[in-house]
Amino acid sequence: MAKKHMLNYKNWSGSELRELLDLAIEVKKNQKNYWNALDHMTLAMIFQKTSTRTRVSFEVAMTQLGGHAIFLDWRSTNFILAELKDEIRYLDRNVDAIMARLMTFEQVQEMAEYSRVPVINGCDNKYHPTQGLADFLTIKEHLGQLEGVHLVYVGIHNNVANSLVEGGTKLGMRVTTVCPEFNEASRDQELLDEAAKTGLYENTLDLKAAVAAADVVYTDTWVDMEFFLDPKFEEEKKRRIEKMLPYQLNEALLKNSKALIMHDMPIHPGYEIDRWAIESSNAIMFDQAENRLHAEKAVLLRVLGKA
């Protein structure tokens, strides 16, 4: 099978995504059957952005599949000094796959261009495909299907929103974004135009109407994690909070809703979501976070030809 990267979903069909989700469910239910699937295989994990879930889930995934993961902090390796294409052309001679969590999609693309082994995008400024797969897996587990399910994303349009729109429409979901602000670094107009052509995607600012029609309501941080504690970003952070507070997922908005409540974490209580929504019986964000492990196992098995 030819080398296949996972940079976003543009080169993945709806049927391929469904197969990945079915594989994730199979692996999750029968974990012992896959304990040696990646025996003697190594994943390099490159982190330019901070992480909890991406590092833990990929490292545990490789361990539970019988392989090995190497953690590489961008700041403590020669990635910070040398040209990216040269470091990648060394690294790919030692490992079987590369997972990269980087600041820009252009860097991920460059890795894929020069790497002789599969590259998995662990998050960048435009896309978060492994997060999206975990989200779709979680929705399918709770609702029994994806086709026809109405997902409403509330917040600033960002990398996660892109992956939900792109993947969700390919899987037959209805996806509505309620986004009064766009993170311009995340903009992919081609992706949004293609999604709109399906008739399954729309953007609105009518929050109450969107939530009333939702099967799933999803939110994310209003400030990217690398800027959240940055003093130089403080003014912009205040501006965003003031603008976005009317779009918070909270008790007043959701108390009469039966919609599942999702958040890709890390959570910022009092900002994009309140504590009531986090603790609601409809909240499934910890199932969602757990499913990063199982979705990523499916991706690793597929790109390494062991599915």
Protein backbone atom coordinates (compact mmCIF):
# COMPACT_ATOMS: atom_id res chain seq x y z
CA MET A 1 0.00 0.00 0.00
CA ALA A 2 1.32 3.43 -0.95
CA LYS A 3 2.52 5.80 1.76
CA LYS A 4 -0.39 7.90 3.02
CA HIS A 5 0.01 10.94 5.23
CA MET A 6 -2.70 12.39 7.45
CA LEU A 7 -2.24 16.15 7.18
CA ASN A 8 -5.96 16.96 7.00
CA TYR A 9 -8.87 15.16 5.32
CA LYS A 10 -8.41 16.53 1.80
CA ASN A 11 -6.91 13.30 0.47
CA TRP A 12 -9.23 11.08 2.50
CA SER A 13 -12.64 10.14 1.15
CA GLY A 14 -15.74 9.76 3.29
CA SER A 15 -15.55 5.98 2.90
CA GLU A 16 -11.90 5.98 4.03
CA LEU A 17 -12.80 8.03 7.09
CA ARG A 18 -15.63 5.63 7.90
CA GLU A 19 -13.22 2.71 7.59
CA LEU A 20 -10.82 4.45 10.00
CA LEU A 21 -13.62 4.97 12.54
CA ASP A 22 -14.74 1.34 12.20
CA LEU A 23 -11.14 0.26 12.78
CA ALA A 24 -10.92 2.49 15.86
CA ILE A 25 -14.05 0.86 17.27
CA GLU A 26 -12.67 -2.61 16.51
CA VAL A 27 -9.32 -1.87 18.16
CA LYS A 28 -10.97 -0.30 21.20
CA LYS A 29 -13.19 -3.37 21.71
CA ASN A 30 -10.42 -5.92 21.09
CA GLN A 31 -7.26 -4.27 22.32
CA LYS A 32 -5.38 -7.50 23.07
CA ASN A 33 -5.64 -8.54 19.42
CA TYR A 34 -3.46 -5.56 18.46
CA TRP A 35 -0.79 -5.69 21.17
CA ASN A 36 1.91 -6.73 18.68
CA ALA A 37 0.58 -4.99 15.56
CA LEU A 38 3.43 -2.44 15.47
CA ASP A 39 6.15 -4.64 16.93
CA HIS A 40 9.63 -3.11 16.43
CA MET A 41 8.16 0.03 14.84
CA THR A 42 8.99 3.54 16.04
CA LEU A 43 7.06 6.80 15.95
CA ALA A 44 8.90 10.13 16.22
CA MET A 45 6.74 12.73 18.00
CA ILE A 46 7.82 16.32 17.33
CA PHE A 47 6.34 19.03 19.53
CA GLN A 48 6.64 22.71 18.76
CA LYS A 49 3.29 23.40 20.47
CA THR A 50 2.55 22.38 24.06
CA SER A 51 0.48 19.27 24.61
CA THR A 52 -1.17 16.97 27.12
CA ARG A 53 -3.58 14.76 25.15
CA THR A 54 -1.60 14.50 21.91
CA ARG A 55 1.60 13.39 23.59
CA VAL A 56 -0.03 11.02 26.08
CA SER A 57 -2.37 9.40 23.56
CA PHE A 58 0.19 8.85 20.79
CA GLU A 59 2.82 7.53 23.19
CA VAL A 60 0.36 5.17 24.88
CA ALA A 61 -1.00 4.13 21.48
CA MET A 62 2.44 3.07 20.25
CA THR A 63 3.15 1.23 23.50
CA GLN A 64 -0.18 -0.64 23.45
CA LEU A 65 0.35 -1.57 19.79
CA GLY A 66 3.76 -3.06 20.60
CA GLY A 67 5.83 -0.22 19.18
CA HIS A 68 7.91 2.64 20.57
CA ALA A 69 7.52 6.43 20.58
CA ILE A 70 10.29 9.03 20.82
CA PHE A 71 9.39 12.45 22.23
CA LEU A 72 11.25 15.33 20.54
CA ASP A 73 10.83 18.82 21.96
CA TRP A 74 11.42 21.35 19.19
CA ARG A 75 13.34 23.66 21.56
CA SER A 76 15.77 21.00 22.75
CA THR A 77 16.63 19.51 19.34
CA ASN A 78 18.34 20.82 16.22
CA PHE A 79 14.96 21.48 14.63
CA ILE A 80 15.31 24.90 16.25
CA LEU A 81 18.65 25.50 14.49
CA ALA A 82 18.72 23.63 11.18
CA GLU A 83 16.56 23.63 8.06
CA LEU A 84 13.46 21.52 8.52
CA LYS A 85 13.89 19.49 5.34
CA ASP A 86 17.38 18.40 6.36
CA GLU A 87 16.38 17.28 9.85
CA ILE A 88 13.43 15.34 8.41
CA ARG A 89 15.64 13.59 5.85
CA TYR A 90 17.76 12.36 8.73
CA LEU A 91 14.89 11.47 11.04
CA ASP A 92 12.98 9.39 8.49
CA ARG A 93 15.99 7.02 8.22
CA ASN A 94 15.48 6.01 11.85
CA VAL A 95 11.71 5.81 12.36
CA ASP A 96 8.64 4.32 10.71
CA ALA A 97 6.34 7.33 11.05
CA ILE A 98 6.41 10.94 12.23
CA MET A 99 3.73 12.77 14.23
CA ALA A 100 4.22 16.53 14.33
CA ARG A 101 2.42 19.15 16.42
CA LEU A 102 3.59 22.42 14.91
CA MET A 103 2.76 26.11 14.69
CA THR A 104 1.98 26.18 10.96
CA PHE A 105 0.52 23.90 8.34
CA GLU A 106 3.29 24.93 5.95
CA GLN A 107 5.81 23.24 8.27
CA VAL A 108 3.72 20.05 8.33
CA GLN A 109 3.51 20.13 4.53
CA GLU A 110 7.28 20.51 4.26
CA MET A 111 7.79 17.51 6.51
CA ALA A 112 5.48 15.42 4.36
CA GLU A 113 7.22 16.59 1.17
CA TYR A 114 10.66 15.46 2.32
CA SER A 115 9.79 12.49 4.53
CA ARG A 116 10.04 8.94 3.21
CA VAL A 117 7.75 7.74 6.01
CA PRO A 118 4.13 8.72 6.78
CA VAL A 119 3.56 12.06 8.52
CA ILE A 120 0.60 12.58 10.87
CA ASN A 121 -0.53 16.09 11.69
CA GLY A 122 -0.93 16.30 15.47
CA CYS A 123 -2.25 19.90 15.23
CA ASP A 124 -1.26 23.11 13.50
CA ASN A 125 -2.80 26.51 12.88
CA LYS A 126 -5.19 25.21 10.18
CA TYR A 127 -6.17 21.64 10.99
CA HIS A 128 -6.50 19.11 13.80
CA PRO A 129 -7.43 15.86 12.02
CA THR A 130 -6.73 13.38 14.83
CA GLN A 131 -8.90 15.43 17.18
CA GLY A 132 -11.69 15.38 14.64
CA LEU A 133 -11.51 11.60 14.32
CA ALA A 134 -11.78 11.21 18.09
CA ASP A 135 -14.78 13.54 18.04
CA PHE A 136 -16.56 11.61 15.29
CA LEU A 137 -15.80 8.32 17.06
CA THR A 138 -17.32 9.66 20.30
CA ILE A 139 -20.46 10.94 18.58
CA LYS A 140 -20.94 7.60 16.83
CA GLU A 141 -20.56 5.74 20.14
CA HIS A 142 -23.17 7.92 21.85
CA LEU A 143 -25.69 8.37 19.03
CA GLY A 144 -25.13 5.17 17.05
CA GLN A 145 -24.49 6.95 13.76
CA LEU A 146 -22.97 10.00 12.12
CA GLU A 147 -25.03 10.45 8.96
CA GLY A 148 -27.73 13.02 9.58
CA VAL A 149 -26.40 14.04 13.00
CA HIS A 150 -26.44 17.82 13.47
CA LEU A 151 -23.24 19.18 15.03
CA VAL A 152 -23.15 22.85 16.06
CA TYR A 153 -19.73 24.39 16.68
CA VAL A 154 -19.81 27.58 18.79
CA GLY A 155 -16.82 29.89 19.19
CA ILE A 156 -13.99 31.33 17.14
CA HIS A 157 -13.55 29.56 13.81
CA ASN A 158 -10.19 27.81 14.12
CA ASN A 159 -8.26 24.68 13.17
CA VAL A 160 -10.65 22.38 15.04
CA ALA A 161 -13.65 23.96 13.33
CA ASN A 162 -12.00 23.31 9.95
CA SER A 163 -11.53 19.63 10.69
CA LEU A 164 -15.08 19.26 12.03
CA VAL A 165 -16.52 20.94 8.93
CA GLU A 166 -14.35 19.01 6.47
CA GLY A 167 -14.65 15.61 8.12
CA GLY A 168 -18.23 16.00 9.27
CA THR A 169 -19.62 16.82 5.82
CA LYS A 170 -17.64 13.96 4.26
CA LEU A 171 -19.26 11.64 6.81
CA GLY A 172 -22.78 12.90 6.05
CA MET A 173 -23.23 15.04 9.15
CA ARG A 174 -24.89 18.45 9.19
CA VAL A 175 -22.39 20.97 10.52
CA THR A 176 -23.36 24.48 11.62
CA THR A 177 -20.79 26.97 12.84
CA VAL A 178 -21.75 29.86 15.11
CA CYS A 179 -18.60 31.92 14.79
CA PRO A 180 -18.73 35.70 15.22
CA GLU A 181 -14.97 35.79 14.75
CA PHE A 182 -12.53 33.98 12.46
CA ASN A 183 -8.96 33.14 13.41
CA GLU A 184 -7.43 34.31 10.14
CA ALA A 185 -4.41 32.04 10.52
CA SER A 186 -6.85 29.14 10.27
CA ARG A 187 -8.76 30.30 7.21
CA ASP A 188 -9.11 27.75 4.40
CA GLN A 189 -11.75 29.17 2.10
CA GLU A 190 -11.44 26.27 -0.34
CA LEU A 191 -12.34 23.85 2.46
CA LEU A 192 -15.39 25.91 3.44
CA ASP A 193 -16.51 26.30 -0.17
CA GLU A 194 -16.26 22.55 -0.77
CA ALA A 195 -18.22 21.86 2.42
CA ALA A 196 -20.91 24.35 1.42
CA LYS A 197 -21.36 22.55 -1.92
CA THR A 198 -22.51 19.45 -0.04
CA GLY A 199 -25.50 21.35 1.38
CA LEU A 200 -24.52 20.08 4.83
CA TYR A 201 -22.58 23.10 6.12
CA GLU A 202 -23.72 26.57 7.10
CA ASN A 203 -22.57 29.46 9.30
CA THR A 204 -25.00 31.51 11.39
CA LEU A 205 -24.92 33.93 14.31
CA ASP A 206 -28.33 32.82 15.62
CA LEU A 207 -26.96 30.90 18.58
CA LYS A 208 -30.26 29.97 20.22
CA ALA A 209 -31.82 28.66 17.03
CA ALA A 210 -28.71 26.65 16.19
CA VAL A 211 -28.50 25.07 19.64
CA ALA A 212 -32.23 24.29 19.63
CA ALA A 213 -31.73 22.20 16.47
CA ALA A 214 -28.48 20.54 17.57
CA ASP A 215 -27.74 16.94 18.41
CA VAL A 216 -24.23 17.94 19.49
CA VAL A 217 -22.93 21.33 20.67
CA TYR A 218 -19.17 21.79 20.53
CA THR A 219 -16.86 24.58 21.71
CA ASP A 220 -13.15 25.32 21.91
CA THR A 221 -10.83 27.90 23.41
CA TRP A 222 -11.14 31.51 22.29
CA VAL A 223 -7.37 31.99 22.61
CA ASP A 224 -4.80 29.56 21.19
CA MET A 225 -2.85 27.82 23.93
CA GLU A 226 0.49 29.36 22.93
CA PHE A 227 -0.99 32.83 23.51
CA PHE A 228 -3.22 32.21 26.54
CA LEU A 229 -0.61 33.20 29.13
CA ASP A 230 1.45 35.49 26.88
CA PRO A 231 1.50 39.07 28.31
CA LYS A 232 1.91 40.46 24.79
CA PHE A 233 -1.43 38.90 23.84
CA GLU A 234 -3.29 40.26 26.89
CA GLU A 235 -5.12 43.07 25.07
CA GLU A 236 -6.26 40.76 22.29
CA LYS A 237 -7.32 38.18 24.87
CA LYS A 238 -9.49 40.77 26.66
CA ARG A 239 -11.03 41.88 23.37
CA ARG A 240 -11.92 38.32 22.41
CA ILE A 241 -13.41 37.51 25.81
CA GLU A 242 -15.61 40.60 25.73
CA LYS A 243 -16.82 39.81 22.23
CA MET A 244 -17.30 36.07 22.78
CA LEU A 245 -18.93 35.92 26.24
CA PRO A 246 -22.46 36.01 24.71
CA TYR A 247 -21.48 32.77 22.93
CA GLN A 248 -20.45 30.86 26.05
CA LEU A 249 -21.85 27.36 26.53
CA ASN A 250 -23.61 27.66 29.87
CA GLU A 251 -26.64 26.65 31.92
CA ALA A 252 -28.85 29.43 30.60
CA LEU A 253 -28.22 28.32 27.01
CA LEU A 254 -28.27 24.55 27.46
CA LYS A 255 -30.50 23.70 30.45
CA ASN A 256 -33.43 22.70 28.20
CA SER A 257 -31.30 21.09 25.50
CA LYS A 258 -30.76 17.37 25.02
CA ALA A 259 -27.69 17.98 22.87
CA LEU A 260 -24.41 16.31 23.74
CA ILE A 261 -21.80 18.84 24.94
CA MET A 262 -18.26 18.55 23.57
CA HIS A 263 -14.96 20.36 24.08
CA ASP A 264 -11.58 19.24 22.76
CA MET A 265 -9.71 20.49 25.87
CA PRO A 266 -7.88 22.11 27.57
CA ILE A 267 -11.02 23.63 29.12
CA HIS A 268 -11.14 27.21 30.38
CA PRO A 269 -14.12 27.35 32.78
CA GLY A 270 -15.74 30.77 32.85
CA TYR A 271 -14.68 31.58 29.31
CA GLU A 272 -15.96 29.42 26.42
CA ILE A 273 -17.88 27.14 28.82
CA ASP A 274 -19.14 27.28 32.40
CA ARG A 275 -18.79 24.65 35.12
CA TRP A 276 -22.46 23.65 34.84
CA ALA A 277 -21.98 22.61 31.20
CA ILE A 278 -18.76 20.75 32.00
CA GLU A 279 -20.49 18.71 34.70
CA SER A 280 -23.78 18.27 32.81
CA SER A 281 -25.03 14.73 32.25
CA ASN A 282 -24.94 15.57 28.54
CA ALA A 283 -21.23 16.45 28.61
CA ILE A 284 -19.02 13.88 26.88
CA MET A 285 -15.69 15.73 26.64
CA PHE A 286 -13.82 13.18 28.76
CA ASP A 287 -15.07 10.33 26.55
CA GLN A 288 -13.95 12.48 23.64
CA ALA A 289 -10.50 12.97 25.16
CA GLU A 290 -10.14 9.24 25.89
CA ASN A 291 -11.00 8.45 22.29
CA ARG A 292 -7.94 10.31 21.07
CA LEU A 293 -6.06 7.11 22.00
CA HIS A 294 -8.29 4.80 19.98
CA ALA A 295 -8.65 7.06 16.95
CA GLU A 296 -4.89 7.52 16.79
CA LYS A 297 -4.31 3.79 16.99
CA ALA A 298 -6.46 3.43 13.89
CA VAL A 299 -4.49 6.16 12.09
CA LEU A 300 -1.15 4.57 13.01
CA LEU A 301 -2.28 1.13 11.85
CA ARG A 302 -3.56 2.55 8.58
CA VAL A 303 -0.59 4.74 7.62
CA LEU A 304 1.85 2.00 8.61
CA GLY A 305 0.05 -0.58 6.51
CA LYS A 306 -1.01 -2.74 9.48
CA ALA A 307 -4.76 -2.12 9.40
